[in-house]
Amino acid sequence: KFPSSRIAFIKKRIEHKHSNLSSKMKRVKQNSFEHDETGIAVWFVRNLFLLGLVGVMVVLGITTFLILQQSETQLAETQYGSIVERALQKAATFSTQRLMATVSIASYVSEMVPDAEPWPFVTVKGFMRLSTNLIQTKS
């Protein structure tokens, strides 16, 4: 059998452990409540951070779209201006060549028929062949 002092010692230990267990349970409950509040705060901050990232992505996407749109518009305007400038230059060159061919043919005919009386009713044989050859030469 156990001595009474030993039994008393065991009872004190059990009571002490029970009281320690009760205080630990209280602390666990408090910590779990604090943990729940901390978990909610962490969840809120994470979602706020993700929302901020989505906002940044939207702003960057819109900015990139606007920059690309402006760049494409500027490129199209530059190319259009270049093409139109070359076309106008070619048209001016072509018109100048035609005008010079006409002037050359007129001076040729005036040398062939120097009298002013028959003008403007002058006939030159082979005029079409001469004028066609002259225009092709100028081109």
Protein backbone atom coordinates (compact mmCIF):
# COMPACT_ATOMS: atom_id res chain seq x y z
CA LYS A 1 0.00 0.00 0.00
CA PHE A 2 0.97 3.58 -0.59
CA PRO A 3 1.85 5.76 2.35
CA SER A 4 -0.58 8.62 2.96
CA SER A 5 2.07 11.20 2.27
CA ARG A 6 2.60 9.62 -1.10
CA ILE A 7 -1.14 9.71 -1.83
CA ALA A 8 -1.31 13.35 -0.77
CA PHE A 9 1.64 14.12 -3.04
CA ILE A 10 -0.07 12.40 -6.00
CA LYS A 11 -3.33 14.30 -5.34
CA LYS A 12 -1.43 17.60 -5.27
CA ARG A 13 0.28 16.70 -8.53
CA ILE A 14 -3.05 15.81 -10.16
CA GLU A 15 -4.63 19.05 -8.93
CA HIS A 16 -1.61 21.00 -10.09
CA LYS A 17 -1.72 19.34 -13.51
CA HIS A 18 -5.48 19.94 -13.68
CA SER A 19 -5.01 23.61 -12.84
CA ASN A 20 -2.14 23.85 -15.37
CA LEU A 21 -4.35 22.15 -17.94
CA SER A 22 -7.20 24.59 -17.24
CA SER A 23 -4.90 27.60 -17.58
CA LYS A 24 -3.43 26.12 -20.78
CA MET A 25 -6.95 25.57 -22.15
CA LYS A 26 -7.80 29.20 -21.40
CA ARG A 27 -4.65 30.34 -23.17
CA VAL A 28 -5.40 28.11 -26.15
CA LYS A 29 -8.90 29.56 -26.38
CA GLN A 30 -7.52 33.09 -26.18
CA ASN A 31 -4.81 32.29 -28.74
CA SER A 32 -7.34 30.71 -31.07
CA PHE A 33 -9.53 33.80 -30.79
CA GLU A 34 -6.52 36.02 -31.44
CA HIS A 35 -5.49 33.65 -34.23
CA ASP A 36 -8.92 34.03 -35.80
CA GLU A 37 -8.59 37.82 -35.69
CA THR A 38 -5.06 37.57 -37.08
CA GLY A 39 -6.28 35.18 -39.79
CA ILE A 40 -9.00 37.60 -40.82
CA ALA A 41 -6.51 40.46 -40.93
CA VAL A 42 -4.07 38.40 -43.00
CA TRP A 43 -6.89 37.34 -45.34
CA PHE A 44 -7.99 40.96 -45.72
CA VAL A 45 -4.44 42.18 -46.45
CA ARG A 46 -3.87 39.37 -48.97
CA ASN A 47 -7.08 40.17 -50.82
CA LEU A 48 -6.28 43.88 -50.73
CA PHE A 49 -2.83 43.13 -52.18
CA LEU A 50 -4.36 40.97 -54.95
CA LEU A 51 -6.89 43.68 -55.72
CA GLY A 52 -4.03 46.18 -55.97
CA LEU A 53 -2.17 43.87 -58.38
CA VAL A 54 -5.28 43.54 -60.55
CA GLY A 55 -5.60 47.33 -60.57
CA VAL A 56 -1.98 47.74 -61.62
CA MET A 57 -2.47 45.17 -64.39
CA VAL A 58 -5.53 47.02 -65.66
CA VAL A 59 -3.70 50.36 -65.67
CA LEU A 60 -0.67 48.84 -67.45
CA GLY A 61 -2.91 47.13 -70.00
CA ILE A 62 -4.82 50.31 -70.82
CA THR A 63 -1.60 52.34 -70.99
CA THR A 64 0.02 49.80 -73.30
CA PHE A 65 -3.07 49.76 -75.53
CA LEU A 66 -3.13 53.55 -75.81
CA ILE A 67 0.61 53.74 -76.55
CA LEU A 68 0.35 51.05 -79.24
CA GLN A 69 -2.71 52.70 -80.77
CA GLN A 70 -0.91 56.06 -80.93
CA SER A 71 2.20 54.41 -82.40
CA GLU A 72 0.19 52.59 -85.08
CA THR A 73 -1.69 55.79 -85.98
CA GLN A 74 1.54 57.74 -86.26
CA LEU A 75 3.12 55.01 -88.40
CA ALA A 76 0.08 54.91 -90.71
CA GLU A 77 0.10 58.70 -91.10
CA THR A 78 3.83 58.71 -91.84
CA GLN A 79 3.51 55.93 -94.43
CA TYR A 80 0.49 57.62 -96.02
CA GLY A 81 2.36 60.93 -96.24
CA SER A 82 5.37 59.20 -97.81
CA ILE A 83 3.25 57.34 -100.38
CA VAL A 84 1.23 60.44 -101.28
CA GLU A 85 4.39 62.52 -101.59
CA ARG A 86 5.95 60.00 -104.01
CA ALA A 87 2.71 59.74 -106.00
CA LEU A 88 2.45 63.53 -106.32
CA GLN A 89 6.09 63.71 -107.34
CA LYS A 90 5.55 61.05 -110.03
CA ALA A 91 2.38 62.78 -111.24
CA ALA A 92 4.18 66.13 -111.43
CA THR A 93 7.09 64.53 -113.31
CA PHE A 94 4.69 62.81 -115.72
CA SER A 95 2.75 66.04 -116.33
CA THR A 96 5.97 67.98 -116.88
CA GLN A 97 7.16 65.37 -119.39
CA ARG A 98 3.86 65.57 -121.29
CA LEU A 99 4.01 69.34 -121.31
CA MET A 100 7.59 69.32 -122.56
CA ALA A 101 6.67 66.81 -125.28
CA THR A 102 3.82 69.06 -126.38
CA VAL A 103 6.11 72.10 -126.45
CA SER A 104 8.70 70.14 -128.46
CA ILE A 105 6.10 69.01 -131.00
CA ALA A 106 4.70 72.55 -131.29
CA SER A 107 8.15 74.00 -131.94
CA TYR A 108 8.84 71.24 -134.49
CA VAL A 109 5.60 71.98 -136.33
CA SER A 110 6.23 75.74 -136.21
CA GLU A 111 9.59 75.14 -137.88
CA MET A 112 7.93 73.01 -140.56
CA VAL A 113 5.20 75.57 -141.29
CA PRO A 114 6.68 79.02 -140.58
CA ASP A 115 3.89 81.04 -142.23
CA ALA A 116 1.20 82.34 -139.91
CA GLU A 117 -1.63 82.28 -142.49
CA PRO A 118 -2.58 78.59 -142.40
CA TRP A 119 -2.52 78.46 -138.60
CA PRO A 120 -4.43 76.90 -136.74
CA PHE A 121 -5.48 74.72 -139.72
CA VAL A 122 -2.09 73.10 -140.32
CA THR A 123 -1.64 69.49 -141.40
CA VAL A 124 1.63 67.70 -140.77
CA LYS A 125 2.11 64.29 -142.32
CA GLY A 126 3.20 61.63 -139.75
CA PHE A 127 2.34 63.88 -136.79
CA MET A 128 0.86 61.02 -134.72
CA ARG A 129 3.94 58.85 -135.21
CA LEU A 130 6.27 61.71 -134.30
CA SER A 131 4.29 62.77 -131.27
CA THR A 132 3.97 59.20 -129.96
CA ASN A 133 7.70 58.60 -130.34
CA LEU A 134 8.52 61.91 -128.68
CA ILE A 135 6.21 61.27 -125.70
CA GLN A 136 7.64 57.76 -125.24
CA THR A 137 11.17 59.16 -125.37
CA LYS A 138 10.36 61.74 -122.68
CA SER A 139 8.80 59.12 -120.38
